[in-house]
Amino acid sequence: MKAMLINNYGENENFEVSEIAKPEVKANHVLVKIAASSVNTIDMMIKNMGTDLPLSPAAPALLGMDFSGTVEAVGEGVTGYAVGDEVYGCAGGLADLPGTLTEYIVADSNLIGHKPKDLTMRETAALPLVAITAYEGLTRAGVKAGQKVLVHGGSGGVGHLAVQLAKYFGAEVFATGTGDNQKATVEKFGATFIDYMTEKVADYTAKYTDGGFDVVFDTVGGANLTNSIEAVALNGHISTTVSLLEIDLTPLHFKGASLHVVFMLIPMLHNFKREKHAEILEKLAEISNEGHLTPVVDDNQFLLEQVGDAYAHLASGKAIGKVVIEN
């Protein structure tokens, strides 16, 4: 089968069209004919940094984590899936798990779910990593109806789904960003837009809350965590996807707030509670089927052989929504 392999890691290295053996289905797995795959920031980091990241596969590597497609064979021990089922998931492209930049994947049945009925394969492929991350961040923070939730980076890959899910859970949602495009995305999904370039944290926190936001979902992270700590309520919750830094947690301590670090690749990397991802994917499909979850997909279309262009488009910062590659 055709595959796009990276033979050497680095920003200037290119994917090469290759022929590799079609994988055989095995116990507790399904063989999926891939319809589409999306590009995530972590995919670009792996390509550019290679083995400097402990989760990168050995080169030559088959990258790509997210996919949508159709089940072609079902392994022993698998229940709930049959040949012909349309599925999606985040199941490869790191450590010893072969990726999705190819025609077929043998995926752990605990890392997939049934495809949302009203989304295209292209839209569905945009969901798994970012939607699982958004769902995990919100549920770990205990989001519930009536709360006020602040999403930093509300128009981003994780952020725009977190906005929709927080609304689904019944929260009043606010989201930071800047510029007309980000404002339009945030408001499209029913959140109040906050321009972080013109509004200070103390000002918008006082404007919209009585003492702070119940939950802050920080998809920007890094130094922005100090803004999240400033914005969160007493005994509130912060979830973040980017906490690779040293930071003084004293202000967090005096608020008695909780900090949740979300790293959704753990089940894949450590074969740890993978069934949780299957449960989340099924729930996300249900939420989407009810009309409450739709990903924003970039208008540019890329075929498998154009994966290098897809990665470059995401790296350019000009993509609006998830970048998707179709087979």
C-alpha atoms as a PDB file:
ATOM      1  CA  MET A   1       0.000   0.000   0.000  1.00  0.00           C
ATOM      2  CA  LYS A   2       1.038   3.600  -0.540  1.00  0.00           C
ATOM      3  CA  ALA A   3       2.462   5.506   2.431  1.00  0.00           C
ATOM      4  CA  MET A   4       4.137   8.871   3.002  1.00  0.00           C
ATOM      5  CA  LEU A   5       7.249   8.199   5.087  1.00  0.00           C
ATOM      6  CA  ILE A   6       9.681  10.593   6.714  1.00  0.00           C
ATOM      7  CA  ASN A   7      13.138   9.055   6.358  1.00  0.00           C
ATOM      8  CA  ASN A   8      14.976  11.749   8.310  1.00  0.00           C
ATOM      9  CA  TYR A   9      13.587  14.165  10.872  1.00  0.00           C
ATOM     10  CA  GLY A  10      13.959  17.934  10.567  1.00  0.00           C
ATOM     11  CA  GLU A  11      12.120  21.077   9.464  1.00  0.00           C
ATOM     12  CA  ASN A  12      13.608  20.889   5.966  1.00  0.00           C
ATOM     13  CA  GLU A  13      13.063  17.168   5.469  1.00  0.00           C
ATOM     14  CA  ASN A  14      10.332  15.996   3.105  1.00  0.00           C
ATOM     15  CA  PHE A  15       7.884  13.113   3.082  1.00  0.00           C
ATOM     16  CA  GLU A  16       8.521  10.487   0.422  1.00  0.00           C
ATOM     17  CA  VAL A  17       6.021   8.315  -1.427  1.00  0.00           C
ATOM     18  CA  SER A  18       6.727   4.706  -0.469  1.00  0.00           C
ATOM     19  CA  GLU A  19       5.242   1.233  -0.822  1.00  0.00           C
ATOM     20  CA  ILE A  20       4.820  -0.695   2.421  1.00  0.00           C
ATOM     21  CA  ALA A  21       3.053  -3.935   3.295  1.00  0.00           C
ATOM     22  CA  LYS A  22      -0.645  -3.724   4.035  1.00  0.00           C
ATOM     23  CA  PRO A  23      -1.013  -4.591   7.745  1.00  0.00           C
ATOM     24  CA  GLU A  24      -2.853  -7.686   8.939  1.00  0.00           C
ATOM     25  CA  VAL A  25      -5.624  -7.355  11.464  1.00  0.00           C
ATOM     26  CA  LYS A  26      -4.831  -8.745  14.938  1.00  0.00           C
ATOM     27  CA  ALA A  27      -6.645  -9.501  18.170  1.00  0.00           C
ATOM     28  CA  ASN A  28      -8.502  -6.580  19.755  1.00  0.00           C
ATOM     29  CA  HIS A  29      -7.834  -4.430  16.688  1.00  0.00           C
ATOM     30  CA  VAL A  30      -9.651  -3.482  13.494  1.00  0.00           C
ATOM     31  CA  LEU A  31      -8.297  -2.921   9.990  1.00  0.00           C
ATOM     32  CA  VAL A  32      -9.533   0.444   8.709  1.00  0.00           C
ATOM     33  CA  LYS A  33      -9.374   1.810   5.163  1.00  0.00           C
ATOM     34  CA  ILE A  34      -8.455   5.424   5.813  1.00  0.00           C
ATOM     35  CA  ALA A  35     -10.585   8.121   4.174  1.00  0.00           C
ATOM     36  CA  ALA A  36      -8.945  11.168   5.760  1.00  0.00           C
ATOM     37  CA  SER A  37      -6.352  12.222   8.326  1.00  0.00           C
ATOM     38  CA  SER A  38      -5.752  15.574  10.009  1.00  0.00           C
ATOM     39  CA  VAL A  39      -2.553  17.382  10.953  1.00  0.00           C
ATOM     40  CA  ASN A  40      -1.995  18.368  14.574  1.00  0.00           C
ATOM     41  CA  THR A  41       0.639  20.610  16.098  1.00  0.00           C
ATOM     42  CA  ILE A  42       2.177  17.572  17.794  1.00  0.00           C
ATOM     43  CA  ASP A  43       2.540  15.907  14.373  1.00  0.00           C
ATOM     44  CA  MET A  44       4.615  18.876  13.191  1.00  0.00           C
ATOM     45  CA  MET A  45       6.684  18.805  16.376  1.00  0.00           C
ATOM     46  CA  ILE A  46       7.497  15.130  15.820  1.00  0.00           C
ATOM     47  CA  LYS A  47       8.473  15.739  12.183  1.00  0.00           C
ATOM     48  CA  ASN A  48      10.700  18.690  13.053  1.00  0.00           C
ATOM     49  CA  MET A  49      12.234  17.482  16.325  1.00  0.00           C
ATOM     50  CA  GLY A  50      12.342  13.728  15.822  1.00  0.00           C
ATOM     51  CA  THR A  51      13.967  11.747  18.589  1.00  0.00           C
ATOM     52  CA  ASP A  52      14.487  14.923  20.631  1.00  0.00           C
ATOM     53  CA  LEU A  53      10.904  14.109  21.631  1.00  0.00           C
ATOM     54  CA  PRO A  54      10.602  10.892  23.656  1.00  0.00           C
ATOM     55  CA  LEU A  55       7.367   9.970  21.884  1.00  0.00           C
ATOM     56  CA  SER A  56       8.715  10.052  18.303  1.00  0.00           C
ATOM     57  CA  PRO A  57       8.859   6.817  16.259  1.00  0.00           C
ATOM     58  CA  ALA A  58      12.189   5.637  14.898  1.00  0.00           C
ATOM     59  CA  ALA A  59      12.905   6.772  11.334  1.00  0.00           C
ATOM     60  CA  PRO A  60      11.876   5.928   8.690  1.00  0.00           C
ATOM     61  CA  ALA A  61       8.565   6.829  10.303  1.00  0.00           C
ATOM     62  CA  LEU A  62       4.905   6.651   9.380  1.00  0.00           C
ATOM     63  CA  LEU A  63       3.368   9.685  11.071  1.00  0.00           C
ATOM     64  CA  GLY A  64      -0.232  10.877  11.501  1.00  0.00           C
ATOM     65  CA  MET A  65      -2.515  10.304  14.480  1.00  0.00           C
ATOM     66  CA  ASP A  66      -6.107  11.240  13.582  1.00  0.00           C
ATOM     67  CA  PHE A  67      -8.191   9.411  10.994  1.00  0.00           C
ATOM     68  CA  SER A  68     -11.631   8.584   9.711  1.00  0.00           C
ATOM     69  CA  GLY A  69     -12.439   5.570   7.601  1.00  0.00           C
ATOM     70  CA  THR A  70     -14.276   2.293   7.110  1.00  0.00           C
ATOM     71  CA  VAL A  71     -13.695  -1.011   8.912  1.00  0.00           C
ATOM     72  CA  GLU A  72     -12.439  -3.679   6.510  1.00  0.00           C
ATOM     73  CA  ALA A  73     -11.638  -6.473   8.966  1.00  0.00           C
ATOM     74  CA  VAL A  74     -12.313  -7.162  12.650  1.00  0.00           C
ATOM     75  CA  GLY A  75      -9.828  -8.932  14.900  1.00  0.00           C
ATOM     76  CA  GLU A  76     -10.514 -11.594  17.494  1.00  0.00           C
ATOM     77  CA  GLY A  77     -11.952 -10.241  20.722  1.00  0.00           C
ATOM     78  CA  VAL A  78     -13.421  -7.087  19.206  1.00  0.00           C
ATOM     79  CA  THR A  79     -17.057  -6.344  19.997  1.00  0.00           C
ATOM     80  CA  GLY A  80     -19.223  -3.496  18.780  1.00  0.00           C
ATOM     81  CA  TYR A  81     -17.675  -3.183  15.319  1.00  0.00           C
ATOM     82  CA  ALA A  82     -18.401  -4.925  12.028  1.00  0.00           C
ATOM     83  CA  VAL A  83     -17.026  -4.780   8.505  1.00  0.00           C
ATOM     84  CA  GLY A  84     -18.412  -1.658   6.813  1.00  0.00           C
ATOM     85  CA  ASP A  85     -18.726   0.436   9.968  1.00  0.00           C
ATOM     86  CA  GLU A  86     -17.560   4.034   9.598  1.00  0.00           C
ATOM     87  CA  VAL A  87     -15.182   4.944  12.436  1.00  0.00           C
ATOM     88  CA  TYR A  88     -12.756   7.578  13.644  1.00  0.00           C
ATOM     89  CA  GLY A  89      -9.972   7.798  16.171  1.00  0.00           C
ATOM     90  CA  CYS A  90      -6.494   8.838  17.229  1.00  0.00           C
ATOM     91  CA  ALA A  91      -4.499   5.637  17.136  1.00  0.00           C
ATOM     92  CA  GLY A  92      -1.012   5.932  15.666  1.00  0.00           C
ATOM     93  CA  GLY A  93       1.911   8.065  14.592  1.00  0.00           C
ATOM     94  CA  LEU A  94       3.957   7.944  17.782  1.00  0.00           C
ATOM     95  CA  ALA A  95       6.187   5.520  19.689  1.00  0.00           C
ATOM     96  CA  ASP A  96       5.633   2.036  18.218  1.00  0.00           C
ATOM     97  CA  LEU A  97       2.189   2.773  16.714  1.00  0.00           C
ATOM     98  CA  PRO A  98       2.198   3.120  12.890  1.00  0.00           C
ATOM     99  CA  GLY A  99       0.478   6.278  11.691  1.00  0.00           C
ATOM    100  CA  THR A 100      -2.260   7.366   9.332  1.00  0.00           C
ATOM    101  CA  LEU A 101      -0.435   8.878   6.345  1.00  0.00           C
ATOM    102  CA  THR A 102      -1.209   5.778   4.337  1.00  0.00           C
ATOM    103  CA  GLU A 103      -4.132   3.744   2.994  1.00  0.00           C
ATOM    104  CA  TYR A 104      -4.839   1.423   5.943  1.00  0.00           C
ATOM    105  CA  ILE A 105      -4.325   1.319   9.690  1.00  0.00           C
ATOM    106  CA  VAL A 106      -4.683  -1.511  12.192  1.00  0.00           C
ATOM    107  CA  ALA A 107      -6.143   0.368  15.136  1.00  0.00           C
ATOM    108  CA  ASP A 108      -6.702  -0.702  18.728  1.00  0.00           C
ATOM    109  CA  SER A 109     -10.480  -0.953  19.088  1.00  0.00           C
ATOM    110  CA  ASN A 110     -10.153   0.961  22.373  1.00  0.00           C
ATOM    111  CA  LEU A 111      -8.838   3.985  20.487  1.00  0.00           C
ATOM    112  CA  ILE A 112     -11.726   4.383  18.039  1.00  0.00           C
ATOM    113  CA  GLY A 113     -15.421   5.228  17.986  1.00  0.00           C
ATOM    114  CA  HIS A 114     -18.285   5.186  15.517  1.00  0.00           C
ATOM    115  CA  LYS A 115     -18.208   8.169  13.166  1.00  0.00           C
ATOM    116  CA  PRO A 116     -20.657  11.035  13.831  1.00  0.00           C
ATOM    117  CA  LYS A 117     -23.551  10.520  11.429  1.00  0.00           C
ATOM    118  CA  ASP A 118     -23.936  14.045  10.093  1.00  0.00           C
ATOM    119  CA  LEU A 119     -20.269  14.902   9.596  1.00  0.00           C
ATOM    120  CA  THR A 120     -18.286  14.116   6.465  1.00  0.00           C
ATOM    121  CA  MET A 121     -15.208  11.897   6.634  1.00  0.00           C
ATOM    122  CA  ARG A 122     -13.171  15.066   6.147  1.00  0.00           C
ATOM    123  CA  GLU A 123     -14.808  16.815   9.095  1.00  0.00           C
ATOM    124  CA  THR A 124     -14.645  13.700  11.253  1.00  0.00           C
ATOM    125  CA  ALA A 125     -10.894  13.304  10.740  1.00  0.00           C
ATOM    126  CA  ALA A 126     -10.447  16.760  12.248  1.00  0.00           C
ATOM    127  CA  LEU A 127     -11.938  15.743  15.580  1.00  0.00           C
ATOM    128  CA  PRO A 128     -10.195  12.984  17.572  1.00  0.00           C
ATOM    129  CA  LEU A 129      -7.089  14.472  19.226  1.00  0.00           C
ATOM    130  CA  VAL A 130      -8.441  17.975  19.758  1.00  0.00           C
ATOM    131  CA  ALA A 131     -11.961  16.905  20.717  1.00  0.00           C
ATOM    132  CA  ILE A 132     -10.769  14.310  23.225  1.00  0.00           C
ATOM    133  CA  THR A 133      -8.446  16.958  24.685  1.00  0.00           C
ATOM    134  CA  ALA A 134     -11.283  19.482  24.979  1.00  0.00           C
ATOM    135  CA  TYR A 135     -13.630  16.936  26.541  1.00  0.00           C
ATOM    136  CA  GLU A 136     -11.027  15.710  29.014  1.00  0.00           C
ATOM    137  CA  GLY A 137     -10.043  19.221  30.050  1.00  0.00           C
ATOM    138  CA  LEU A 138     -13.611  20.269  30.756  1.00  0.00           C
ATOM    139  CA  THR A 139     -14.749  17.099  32.490  1.00  0.00           C
ATOM    140  CA  ARG A 140     -11.675  16.915  34.706  1.00  0.00           C
ATOM    141  CA  ALA A 141     -12.477  20.467  35.779  1.00  0.00           C
ATOM    142  CA  GLY A 142     -16.026  19.365  36.586  1.00  0.00           C
ATOM    143  CA  VAL A 143     -17.819  21.758  34.271  1.00  0.00           C
ATOM    144  CA  LYS A 144     -21.537  21.931  34.923  1.00  0.00           C
ATOM    145  CA  ALA A 145     -24.605  23.970  34.073  1.00  0.00           C
ATOM    146  CA  GLY A 146     -24.683  27.516  35.393  1.00  0.00           C
ATOM    147  CA  GLN A 147     -20.929  27.959  35.639  1.00  0.00           C
ATOM    148  CA  LYS A 148     -18.886  30.627  33.902  1.00  0.00           C
ATOM    149  CA  VAL A 149     -16.123  29.147  31.758  1.00  0.00           C
ATOM    150  CA  LEU A 150     -13.228  31.024  30.180  1.00  0.00           C
ATOM    151  CA  VAL A 151     -11.447  29.408  27.215  1.00  0.00           C
ATOM    152  CA  HIS A 152      -8.074  30.895  26.314  1.00  0.00           C
ATOM    153  CA  GLY A 153      -7.505  30.517  22.577  1.00  0.00           C
ATOM    154  CA  GLY A 154     -11.188  29.958  21.854  1.00  0.00           C
ATOM    155  CA  SER A 155     -10.815  29.825  18.075  1.00  0.00           C
ATOM    156  CA  GLY A 156      -7.976  27.282  18.027  1.00  0.00           C
ATOM    157  CA  GLY A 157      -8.139  23.564  17.337  1.00  0.00           C
ATOM    158  CA  VAL A 158      -8.869  22.556  20.925  1.00  0.00           C
ATOM    159  CA  GLY A 159     -10.376  25.893  21.881  1.00  0.00           C
ATOM    160  CA  HIS A 160     -13.275  26.052  19.408  1.00  0.00           C
ATOM    161  CA  LEU A 161     -14.362  22.557  20.437  1.00  0.00           C
ATOM    162  CA  ALA A 162     -13.996  23.402  24.133  1.00  0.00           C
ATOM    163  CA  VAL A 163     -16.308  26.386  23.569  1.00  0.00           C
ATOM    164  CA  GLN A 164     -18.933  24.143  21.985  1.00  0.00           C
ATOM    165  CA  LEU A 165     -18.632  21.435  24.641  1.00  0.00           C
ATOM    166  CA  ALA A 166     -18.775  23.916  27.515  1.00  0.00           C
ATOM    167  CA  LYS A 167     -21.979  25.304  25.979  1.00  0.00           C
ATOM    168  CA  TYR A 168     -23.292  21.746  25.666  1.00  0.00           C
ATOM    169  CA  PHE A 169     -22.625  21.183  29.381  1.00  0.00           C
ATOM    170  CA  GLY A 170     -24.733  24.260  30.158  1.00  0.00           C
ATOM    171  CA  ALA A 171     -22.040  26.775  31.020  1.00  0.00           C
ATOM    172  CA  GLU A 172     -21.886  30.450  30.098  1.00  0.00           C
ATOM    173  CA  VAL A 173     -18.788  30.646  27.931  1.00  0.00           C
ATOM    174  CA  PHE A 174     -16.223  33.380  27.324  1.00  0.00           C
ATOM    175  CA  ALA A 175     -13.227  33.017  25.026  1.00  0.00           C
ATOM    176  CA  THR A 176     -10.077  34.994  24.347  1.00  0.00           C
ATOM    177  CA  GLY A 177      -8.551  35.751  20.982  1.00  0.00           C
ATOM    178  CA  THR A 178      -7.768  38.712  18.763  1.00  0.00           C
ATOM    179  CA  GLY A 179      -8.805  39.916  15.326  1.00  0.00           C
ATOM    180  CA  ASP A 180     -12.004  39.652  13.332  1.00  0.00           C
ATOM    181  CA  ASN A 181     -11.583  36.022  12.229  1.00  0.00           C
ATOM    182  CA  GLN A 182     -11.079  34.724  15.757  1.00  0.00           C
ATOM    183  CA  LYS A 183     -13.937  36.887  17.013  1.00  0.00           C
ATOM    184  CA  ALA A 184     -16.252  35.479  14.334  1.00  0.00           C
ATOM    185  CA  THR A 185     -15.348  31.881  15.195  1.00  0.00           C
ATOM    186  CA  VAL A 186     -15.883  32.366  18.925  1.00  0.00           C
ATOM    187  CA  GLU A 187     -19.196  34.155  18.471  1.00  0.00           C
ATOM    188  CA  LYS A 188     -20.398  31.609  15.901  1.00  0.00           C
ATOM    189  CA  PHE A 189     -20.356  29.010  18.656  1.00  0.00           C
ATOM    190  CA  GLY A 190     -22.161  31.200  21.168  1.00  0.00           C
ATOM    191  CA  ALA A 191     -19.348  32.478  23.379  1.00  0.00           C
ATOM    192  CA  THR A 192     -18.605  36.044  24.471  1.00  0.00           C
ATOM    193  CA  PHE A 193     -15.403  37.218  22.770  1.00  0.00           C
ATOM    194  CA  ILE A 194     -12.605  38.825  24.788  1.00  0.00           C
ATOM    195  CA  ASP A 195      -9.767  40.521  22.896  1.00  0.00           C
ATOM    196  CA  TYR A 196      -6.694  39.775  24.983  1.00  0.00           C
ATOM    197  CA  MET A 197      -4.752  42.475  23.122  1.00  0.00           C
ATOM    198  CA  THR A 198      -7.007  45.266  24.341  1.00  0.00           C
ATOM    199  CA  GLU A 199      -8.603  43.943  27.539  1.00  0.00           C
ATOM    200  CA  LYS A 200      -6.670  43.292  30.741  1.00  0.00           C
ATOM    201  CA  VAL A 201      -7.345  40.126  32.722  1.00  0.00           C
ATOM    202  CA  ALA A 202      -8.415  42.020  35.823  1.00  0.00           C
ATOM    203  CA  ASP A 203     -10.792  44.164  33.782  1.00  0.00           C
ATOM    204  CA  TYR A 204     -12.616  41.401  31.921  1.00  0.00           C
ATOM    205  CA  THR A 205     -12.735  39.200  35.000  1.00  0.00           C
ATOM    206  CA  ALA A 206     -14.419  42.006  36.953  1.00  0.00           C
ATOM    207  CA  LYS A 207     -16.688  42.809  34.007  1.00  0.00           C
ATOM    208  CA  TYR A 208     -18.045  39.299  33.496  1.00  0.00           C
ATOM    209  CA  THR A 209     -17.787  37.607  36.906  1.00  0.00           C
ATOM    210  CA  ASP A 210     -18.220  38.154  40.610  1.00  0.00           C
ATOM    211  CA  GLY A 211     -14.775  37.100  41.757  1.00  0.00           C
ATOM    212  CA  GLY A 212     -13.510  34.941  38.898  1.00  0.00           C
ATOM    213  CA  PHE A 213     -14.382  32.234  36.388  1.00  0.00           C
ATOM    214  CA  ASP A 214     -15.427  28.846  37.770  1.00  0.00           C
ATOM    215  CA  VAL A 215     -13.348  27.073  35.137  1.00  0.00           C
ATOM    216  CA  VAL A 216     -10.523  28.333  32.946  1.00  0.00           C
ATOM    217  CA  PHE A 217      -9.457  26.153  30.018  1.00  0.00           C
ATOM    218  CA  ASP A 218      -6.027  27.370  28.922  1.00  0.00           C
ATOM    219  CA  THR A 219      -5.079  26.086  25.463  1.00  0.00           C
ATOM    220  CA  VAL A 220      -2.369  28.748  25.170  1.00  0.00           C
ATOM    221  CA  GLY A 221      -0.480  27.816  28.337  1.00  0.00           C
ATOM    222  CA  GLY A 222       3.092  28.706  29.038  1.00  0.00           C
ATOM    223  CA  ALA A 223       3.347  32.219  30.416  1.00  0.00           C
ATOM    224  CA  ASN A 224      -0.410  32.615  29.854  1.00  0.00           C
ATOM    225  CA  LEU A 225      -0.976  30.362  32.871  1.00  0.00           C
ATOM    226  CA  THR A 226      -0.400  33.406  35.060  1.00  0.00           C
ATOM    227  CA  ASN A 227      -3.405  35.016  33.343  1.00  0.00           C
ATOM    228  CA  SER A 228      -5.470  31.903  34.008  1.00  0.00           C
ATOM    229  CA  ILE A 229      -4.540  31.971  37.676  1.00  0.00           C
ATOM    230  CA  GLU A 230      -5.507  35.638  37.859  1.00  0.00           C
ATOM    231  CA  ALA A 231      -8.864  34.949  36.180  1.00  0.00           C
ATOM    232  CA  VAL A 232      -9.932  31.833  38.095  1.00  0.00           C
ATOM    233  CA  ALA A 233     -12.334  31.990  41.039  1.00  0.00           C
ATOM    234  CA  LEU A 234     -11.578  30.908  44.591  1.00  0.00           C
ATOM    235  CA  ASN A 235     -11.617  27.093  44.680  1.00  0.00           C
ATOM    236  CA  GLY A 236     -11.985  27.160  40.892  1.00  0.00           C
ATOM    237  CA  HIS A 237     -10.386  24.919  38.297  1.00  0.00           C
ATOM    238  CA  ILE A 238      -7.807  25.478  35.564  1.00  0.00           C
ATOM    239  CA  SER A 239      -7.199  22.934  32.828  1.00  0.00           C
ATOM    240  CA  THR A 240      -4.237  23.445  30.530  1.00  0.00           C
ATOM    241  CA  THR A 241      -2.753  21.655  27.555  1.00  0.00           C
ATOM    242  CA  VAL A 242       0.583  23.503  27.705  1.00  0.00           C
ATOM    243  CA  SER A 243       2.397  23.424  31.045  1.00  0.00           C
ATOM    244  CA  LEU A 244       6.020  22.901  29.994  1.00  0.00           C
ATOM    245  CA  LEU A 245       7.482  25.685  32.107  1.00  0.00           C
ATOM    246  CA  GLU A 246       8.571  26.766  35.553  1.00  0.00           C
ATOM    247  CA  ILE A 247       6.004  28.940  37.279  1.00  0.00           C
ATOM    248  CA  ASP A 248       5.326  30.290  40.758  1.00  0.00           C
ATOM    249  CA  LEU A 249       2.127  28.626  41.969  1.00  0.00           C
ATOM    250  CA  THR A 250       1.821  30.836  45.052  1.00  0.00           C
ATOM    251  CA  PRO A 251      -1.148  32.821  43.635  1.00  0.00           C
ATOM    252  CA  LEU A 252      -2.876  29.538  42.792  1.00  0.00           C
ATOM    253  CA  HIS A 253      -2.312  28.328  46.351  1.00  0.00           C
ATOM    254  CA  PHE A 254      -3.922  31.392  47.898  1.00  0.00           C
ATOM    255  CA  LYS A 255      -6.974  30.892  45.706  1.00  0.00           C
ATOM    256  CA  GLY A 256      -7.217  27.214  46.636  1.00  0.00           C
ATOM    257  CA  ALA A 257      -7.698  26.488  42.937  1.00  0.00           C
ATOM    258  CA  SER A 258      -6.948  23.219  41.167  1.00  0.00           C
ATOM    259  CA  LEU A 259      -4.671  22.833  38.138  1.00  0.00           C
ATOM    260  CA  HIS A 260      -5.339  19.972  35.713  1.00  0.00           C
ATOM    261  CA  VAL A 261      -2.700  19.084  33.120  1.00  0.00           C
ATOM    262  CA  VAL A 262      -4.219  17.491  30.018  1.00  0.00           C
ATOM    263  CA  PHE A 263      -1.972  15.227  27.926  1.00  0.00           C
ATOM    264  CA  MET A 264      -4.328  13.075  25.884  1.00  0.00           C
ATOM    265  CA  LEU A 265      -1.573  10.923  24.331  1.00  0.00           C
ATOM    266  CA  ILE A 266      -0.990   9.039  27.606  1.00  0.00           C
ATOM    267  CA  PRO A 267      -3.346   6.128  26.775  1.00  0.00           C
ATOM    268  CA  MET A 268      -1.586   5.650  23.427  1.00  0.00           C
ATOM    269  CA  LEU A 269       1.934   6.003  24.794  1.00  0.00           C
ATOM    270  CA  HIS A 270       1.520   3.829  27.866  1.00  0.00           C
ATOM    271  CA  ASN A 271      -1.366   1.535  26.885  1.00  0.00           C
ATOM    272  CA  PHE A 272      -3.112   3.046  29.900  1.00  0.00           C
ATOM    273  CA  LYS A 273      -6.925   3.059  30.124  1.00  0.00           C
ATOM    274  CA  ARG A 274      -7.320   3.201  26.348  1.00  0.00           C
ATOM    275  CA  GLU A 275     -10.962   2.257  26.701  1.00  0.00           C
ATOM    276  CA  LYS A 276     -11.538   5.755  28.091  1.00  0.00           C
ATOM    277  CA  HIS A 277     -10.768   7.196  24.669  1.00  0.00           C
ATOM    278  CA  ALA A 278     -13.286   4.852  23.061  1.00  0.00           C
ATOM    279  CA  GLU A 279     -15.919   6.017  25.546  1.00  0.00           C
ATOM    280  CA  ILE A 280     -15.134   9.680  24.882  1.00  0.00           C
ATOM    281  CA  LEU A 281     -15.228   9.226  21.093  1.00  0.00           C
ATOM    282  CA  GLU A 282     -18.649   7.582  21.327  1.00  0.00           C
ATOM    283  CA  LYS A 283     -19.876  10.436  23.538  1.00  0.00           C
ATOM    284  CA  LEU A 284     -18.466  13.052  21.167  1.00  0.00           C
ATOM    285  CA  ALA A 285     -20.274  11.388  18.258  1.00  0.00           C
ATOM    286  CA  GLU A 286     -23.495  11.487  20.271  1.00  0.00           C
ATOM    287  CA  ILE A 287     -23.015  15.187  21.026  1.00  0.00           C
ATOM    288  CA  SER A 288     -22.293  15.862  17.351  1.00  0.00           C
ATOM    289  CA  ASN A 289     -25.315  13.852  16.243  1.00  0.00           C
ATOM    290  CA  GLU A 290     -27.440  16.100  18.472  1.00  0.00           C
ATOM    291  CA  GLY A 291     -26.074  19.144  16.645  1.00  0.00           C
ATOM    292  CA  HIS A 292     -23.777  20.470  19.363  1.00  0.00           C
ATOM    293  CA  LEU A 293     -20.299  19.746  17.969  1.00  0.00           C
ATOM    294  CA  THR A 294     -18.913  20.707  14.560  1.00  0.00           C
ATOM    295  CA  PRO A 295     -15.217  21.156  13.782  1.00  0.00           C
ATOM    296  CA  VAL A 296     -13.904  24.058  11.738  1.00  0.00           C
ATOM    297  CA  VAL A 297     -11.952  22.632   8.788  1.00  0.00           C
ATOM    298  CA  ASP A 298      -9.549  24.675   6.664  1.00  0.00           C
ATOM    299  CA  ASP A 299     -10.791  25.245   3.104  1.00  0.00           C
ATOM    300  CA  ASN A 300      -7.527  24.074   1.510  1.00  0.00           C
ATOM    301  CA  GLN A 301      -7.699  20.482   0.291  1.00  0.00           C
ATOM    302  CA  PHE A 302      -4.728  18.124   0.277  1.00  0.00           C
ATOM    303  CA  LEU A 303      -4.308  14.605  -1.060  1.00  0.00           C
ATOM    304  CA  LEU A 304      -2.039  12.018   0.568  1.00  0.00           C
ATOM    305  CA  GLU A 305       0.850  12.812  -1.791  1.00  0.00           C
ATOM    306  CA  GLN A 306       0.573  16.486  -0.743  1.00  0.00           C
ATOM    307  CA  VAL A 307       1.160  15.873   2.958  1.00  0.00           C
ATOM    308  CA  GLY A 308       4.256  18.093   2.879  1.00  0.00           C
ATOM    309  CA  ASP A 309       2.135  20.979   1.632  1.00  0.00           C
ATOM    310  CA  ALA A 310      -0.434  20.293   4.348  1.00  0.00           C
ATOM    311  CA  TYR A 311       2.223  20.435   7.065  1.00  0.00           C
ATOM    312  CA  ALA A 312       3.643  23.635   5.550  1.00  0.00           C
ATOM    313  CA  HIS A 313       0.188  25.227   5.464  1.00  0.00           C
ATOM    314  CA  LEU A 314      -0.350  24.521   9.155  1.00  0.00           C
ATOM    315  CA  ALA A 315       3.146  25.781   9.971  1.00  0.00           C
ATOM    316  CA  SER A 316       2.463  29.027   8.061  1.00  0.00           C
ATOM    317  CA  GLY A 317      -0.119  30.090  10.619  1.00  0.00           C
ATOM    318  CA  LYS A 318      -2.563  30.872   7.812  1.00  0.00           C
ATOM    319  CA  ALA A 319      -4.805  27.851   8.306  1.00  0.00           C
ATOM    320  CA  ILE A 320      -8.314  28.582   9.532  1.00  0.00           C
ATOM    321  CA  GLY A 321      -9.465  25.418  11.287  1.00  0.00           C
ATOM    322  CA  LYS A 322      -8.000  21.939  11.110  1.00  0.00           C
ATOM    323  CA  VAL A 323      -5.881  20.947   8.115  1.00  0.00           C
ATOM    324  CA  VAL A 324      -7.110  17.659   6.635  1.00  0.00           C
ATOM    325  CA  ILE A 325      -5.503  15.222   4.189  1.00  0.00           C
ATOM    326  CA  GLU A 326      -7.781  13.001   2.107  1.00  0.00           C
ATOM    327  CA  ASN A 327      -7.039   9.637   0.512  1.00  0.00           C
END
